[in-house]
Amino acid sequence: MSSLRKAELLRQLRRFSLVGLLNTSIGYFVIILVQHLTGRPILANVAGYAAGLAFSFVLYRVYVFEAKGERSHPLKFVSAFIVAYSANMLVLTEMLAIRPDLPYLAQVLASVAYLAVMFTMSKLWVFRQRNRVT
């Protein structure tokens, strides 16, 4: 991998992480707000995740992968989310089956799986740009 490609990848990873932190904050804000206003935890959870997905789609497209002029379909993004979340749940359930005494470690490893899958699918499929060195 050339130094230019490595620098671009590191920049994207930093931005991806920042968007993830902001996304988490916004998602929890919406969850708490909707829960407070409606008293409906399921609705609050759905609203929080929907807000987070919309927010992260826009920022991944514009800020992380800079997919200007490219048509990145939101359904591809939702599909990538489903695959990444499935990887998260697979790692979580397998870790808990192997080591039920380490639930926090299981959560961390599951999050790493989610992030690896989501970043890879976003970069190579959802926001893939032709004729660009990345």
C-alpha atoms as a PDB file:
ATOM      1  CA  MET A   1       0.000   0.000   0.000  1.00  0.00           C
ATOM      2  CA  SER A   2       1.417   3.367  -0.996  1.00  0.00           C
ATOM      3  CA  SER A   3       1.971   6.038   1.615  1.00  0.00           C
ATOM      4  CA  LEU A   4      -0.724   8.171  -0.058  1.00  0.00           C
ATOM      5  CA  ARG A   5      -3.274   5.360   0.207  1.00  0.00           C
ATOM      6  CA  LYS A   6      -2.264   4.632   3.797  1.00  0.00           C
ATOM      7  CA  ALA A   7      -2.660   8.307   4.770  1.00  0.00           C
ATOM      8  CA  GLU A   8      -6.083   8.434   3.089  1.00  0.00           C
ATOM      9  CA  LEU A   9      -7.193   5.265   4.883  1.00  0.00           C
ATOM     10  CA  LEU A  10      -6.046   6.606   8.267  1.00  0.00           C
ATOM     11  CA  ARG A  11      -7.838   9.907   7.626  1.00  0.00           C
ATOM     12  CA  GLN A  12     -11.029   8.040   6.764  1.00  0.00           C
ATOM     13  CA  LEU A  13     -10.732   5.848   9.854  1.00  0.00           C
ATOM     14  CA  ARG A  14     -10.305   8.915  12.091  1.00  0.00           C
ATOM     15  CA  ARG A  15     -13.301  10.614  10.514  1.00  0.00           C
ATOM     16  CA  PHE A  16     -15.351   7.410  10.673  1.00  0.00           C
ATOM     17  CA  SER A  17     -14.614   7.164  14.396  1.00  0.00           C
ATOM     18  CA  LEU A  18     -15.540  10.805  15.000  1.00  0.00           C
ATOM     19  CA  VAL A  19     -18.829  10.398  13.139  1.00  0.00           C
ATOM     20  CA  GLY A  20     -19.489   7.266  15.207  1.00  0.00           C
ATOM     21  CA  LEU A  21     -19.051   9.206  18.441  1.00  0.00           C
ATOM     22  CA  LEU A  22     -21.317  12.000  17.232  1.00  0.00           C
ATOM     23  CA  ASN A  23     -23.826   9.460  15.953  1.00  0.00           C
ATOM     24  CA  THR A  24     -23.934   7.746  19.342  1.00  0.00           C
ATOM     25  CA  SER A  25     -24.524  11.072  21.079  1.00  0.00           C
ATOM     26  CA  ILE A  26     -27.324  12.049  18.717  1.00  0.00           C
ATOM     27  CA  GLY A  27     -28.910   8.610  18.908  1.00  0.00           C
ATOM     28  CA  TYR A  28     -28.959   8.646  22.707  1.00  0.00           C
ATOM     29  CA  PHE A  29     -30.242  12.221  22.748  1.00  0.00           C
ATOM     30  CA  VAL A  30     -33.175  11.252  20.521  1.00  0.00           C
ATOM     31  CA  ILE A  31     -33.850   8.102  22.567  1.00  0.00           C
ATOM     32  CA  ILE A  32     -33.921  10.062  25.820  1.00  0.00           C
ATOM     33  CA  LEU A  33     -36.018  12.867  24.328  1.00  0.00           C
ATOM     34  CA  VAL A  34     -38.621  10.576  22.764  1.00  0.00           C
ATOM     35  CA  GLN A  35     -38.736   8.409  25.885  1.00  0.00           C
ATOM     36  CA  HIS A  36     -39.296  11.508  28.008  1.00  0.00           C
ATOM     37  CA  LEU A  37     -41.977  12.945  25.704  1.00  0.00           C
ATOM     38  CA  THR A  38     -43.888   9.730  25.000  1.00  0.00           C
ATOM     39  CA  GLY A  39     -42.976   7.242  27.718  1.00  0.00           C
ATOM     40  CA  ARG A  40     -42.619   4.616  24.975  1.00  0.00           C
ATOM     41  CA  PRO A  41     -39.211   2.914  25.091  1.00  0.00           C
ATOM     42  CA  ILE A  42     -39.618   0.907  21.872  1.00  0.00           C
ATOM     43  CA  LEU A  43     -40.628   4.010  19.920  1.00  0.00           C
ATOM     44  CA  ALA A  44     -37.747   5.906  21.515  1.00  0.00           C
ATOM     45  CA  ASN A  45     -35.262   3.206  20.517  1.00  0.00           C
ATOM     46  CA  VAL A  46     -36.521   3.052  16.922  1.00  0.00           C
ATOM     47  CA  ALA A  47     -36.465   6.859  16.654  1.00  0.00           C
ATOM     48  CA  GLY A  48     -32.937   7.032  18.064  1.00  0.00           C
ATOM     49  CA  TYR A  49     -31.582   4.405  15.693  1.00  0.00           C
ATOM     50  CA  ALA A  50     -33.380   5.964  12.706  1.00  0.00           C
ATOM     51  CA  ALA A  51     -31.943   9.388  13.537  1.00  0.00           C
ATOM     52  CA  GLY A  52     -28.487   7.861  13.972  1.00  0.00           C
ATOM     53  CA  LEU A  53     -28.650   6.004  10.659  1.00  0.00           C
ATOM     54  CA  ALA A  54     -29.763   9.104   8.761  1.00  0.00           C
ATOM     55  CA  PHE A  55     -27.093  11.241  10.433  1.00  0.00           C
ATOM     56  CA  SER A  56     -24.297   8.754   9.809  1.00  0.00           C
ATOM     57  CA  PHE A  57     -25.346   8.162   6.175  1.00  0.00           C
ATOM     58  CA  VAL A  58     -25.060  11.861   5.412  1.00  0.00           C
ATOM     59  CA  LEU A  59     -21.756  12.372   7.241  1.00  0.00           C
ATOM     60  CA  TYR A  60     -20.154   9.185   5.923  1.00  0.00           C
ATOM     61  CA  ARG A  61     -21.089  10.270   2.407  1.00  0.00           C
ATOM     62  CA  VAL A  62     -20.008  13.904   2.703  1.00  0.00           C
ATOM     63  CA  TYR A  63     -17.287  13.944   5.373  1.00  0.00           C
ATOM     64  CA  VAL A  64     -15.736  10.478   5.707  1.00  0.00           C
ATOM     65  CA  PHE A  65     -15.695   9.095   2.164  1.00  0.00           C
ATOM     66  CA  GLU A  66     -16.335  12.381   0.319  1.00  0.00           C
ATOM     67  CA  ALA A  67     -18.594  10.707  -2.230  1.00  0.00           C
ATOM     68  CA  LYS A  68     -19.295  13.920  -4.121  1.00  0.00           C
ATOM     69  CA  GLY A  69     -21.145  13.396  -7.353  1.00  0.00           C
ATOM     70  CA  GLU A  70     -21.571   9.724  -6.580  1.00  0.00           C
ATOM     71  CA  ARG A  71     -24.985   8.185  -6.092  1.00  0.00           C
ATOM     72  CA  SER A  72     -24.846   6.276  -2.849  1.00  0.00           C
ATOM     73  CA  HIS A  73     -28.214   4.728  -2.232  1.00  0.00           C
ATOM     74  CA  PRO A  74     -29.539   4.739   1.337  1.00  0.00           C
ATOM     75  CA  LEU A  75     -30.766   1.151   0.897  1.00  0.00           C
ATOM     76  CA  LYS A  76     -27.176   0.040   0.356  1.00  0.00           C
ATOM     77  CA  PHE A  77     -26.282   1.800   3.600  1.00  0.00           C
ATOM     78  CA  VAL A  78     -29.123   0.139   5.500  1.00  0.00           C
ATOM     79  CA  SER A  79     -28.063  -3.214   4.032  1.00  0.00           C
ATOM     80  CA  ALA A  80     -24.501  -2.625   5.209  1.00  0.00           C
ATOM     81  CA  PHE A  81     -25.841  -1.725   8.654  1.00  0.00           C
ATOM     82  CA  ILE A  82     -27.830  -4.972   8.811  1.00  0.00           C
ATOM     83  CA  VAL A  83     -24.783  -7.034   7.852  1.00  0.00           C
ATOM     84  CA  ALA A  84     -22.548  -5.164  10.328  1.00  0.00           C
ATOM     85  CA  TYR A  85     -25.093  -5.469  13.123  1.00  0.00           C
ATOM     86  CA  SER A  86     -25.459  -9.183  12.362  1.00  0.00           C
ATOM     87  CA  ALA A  87     -21.683  -9.559  12.723  1.00  0.00           C
ATOM     88  CA  ASN A  88     -21.936  -7.681  16.013  1.00  0.00           C
ATOM     89  CA  MET A  89     -24.628 -10.023  17.315  1.00  0.00           C
ATOM     90  CA  LEU A  90     -22.760 -13.121  16.108  1.00  0.00           C
ATOM     91  CA  VAL A  91     -19.589 -12.114  17.942  1.00  0.00           C
ATOM     92  CA  LEU A  92     -21.555 -11.101  21.031  1.00  0.00           C
ATOM     93  CA  THR A  93     -23.555 -14.315  21.289  1.00  0.00           C
ATOM     94  CA  GLU A  94     -20.558 -16.540  20.547  1.00  0.00           C
ATOM     95  CA  MET A  95     -18.377 -14.738  23.076  1.00  0.00           C
ATOM     96  CA  LEU A  96     -21.102 -14.998  25.716  1.00  0.00           C
ATOM     97  CA  ALA A  97     -21.490 -18.707  24.965  1.00  0.00           C
ATOM     98  CA  ILE A  98     -17.743 -19.238  25.372  1.00  0.00           C
ATOM     99  CA  ARG A  99     -17.147 -16.814  28.273  1.00  0.00           C
ATOM    100  CA  PRO A 100     -20.401 -15.764  29.952  1.00  0.00           C
ATOM    101  CA  ASP A 101     -18.321 -14.288  32.770  1.00  0.00           C
ATOM    102  CA  LEU A 102     -16.913 -11.605  30.424  1.00  0.00           C
ATOM    103  CA  PRO A 103     -19.941  -9.688  29.099  1.00  0.00           C
ATOM    104  CA  TYR A 104     -18.128  -6.360  28.830  1.00  0.00           C
ATOM    105  CA  LEU A 105     -15.288  -7.853  26.822  1.00  0.00           C
ATOM    106  CA  ALA A 106     -17.912  -9.523  24.633  1.00  0.00           C
ATOM    107  CA  GLN A 107     -19.535  -6.123  24.010  1.00  0.00           C
ATOM    108  CA  VAL A 108     -16.194  -4.545  23.085  1.00  0.00           C
ATOM    109  CA  LEU A 109     -15.297  -7.347  20.670  1.00  0.00           C
ATOM    110  CA  ALA A 110     -18.783  -7.221  19.152  1.00  0.00           C
ATOM    111  CA  SER A 111     -18.387  -3.469  18.622  1.00  0.00           C
ATOM    112  CA  VAL A 112     -15.033  -4.010  16.922  1.00  0.00           C
ATOM    113  CA  ALA A 113     -16.680  -6.520  14.576  1.00  0.00           C
ATOM    114  CA  TYR A 114     -19.466  -4.039  13.781  1.00  0.00           C
ATOM    115  CA  LEU A 115     -17.027  -1.212  13.100  1.00  0.00           C
ATOM    116  CA  ALA A 116     -14.761  -3.340  10.900  1.00  0.00           C
ATOM    117  CA  VAL A 117     -17.644  -4.616   8.786  1.00  0.00           C
ATOM    118  CA  MET A 118     -19.412  -1.246   8.540  1.00  0.00           C
ATOM    119  CA  PHE A 119     -16.253   0.648   7.588  1.00  0.00           C
ATOM    120  CA  THR A 120     -15.260  -1.944   4.989  1.00  0.00           C
ATOM    121  CA  MET A 121     -18.704  -2.159   3.411  1.00  0.00           C
ATOM    122  CA  SER A 122     -19.079   1.625   3.427  1.00  0.00           C
ATOM    123  CA  LYS A 123     -15.717   2.162   1.800  1.00  0.00           C
ATOM    124  CA  LEU A 124     -15.833  -0.633  -0.761  1.00  0.00           C
ATOM    125  CA  TRP A 125     -19.540  -0.818  -1.589  1.00  0.00           C
ATOM    126  CA  VAL A 126     -21.863   1.891  -0.243  1.00  0.00           C
ATOM    127  CA  PHE A 127     -19.662   4.929  -0.958  1.00  0.00           C
ATOM    128  CA  ARG A 128     -17.331   3.368  -3.518  1.00  0.00           C
ATOM    129  CA  GLN A 129     -15.910   5.922  -5.879  1.00  0.00           C
ATOM    130  CA  ARG A 130     -14.626   5.039  -9.283  1.00  0.00           C
ATOM    131  CA  ASN A 131     -11.435   6.538 -10.654  1.00  0.00           C
ATOM    132  CA  ARG A 132     -10.201   7.690  -7.270  1.00  0.00           C
ATOM    133  CA  VAL A 133      -7.114   6.524  -5.436  1.00  0.00           C
ATOM    134  CA  THR A 134      -8.310   5.182  -2.059  1.00  0.00           C
END
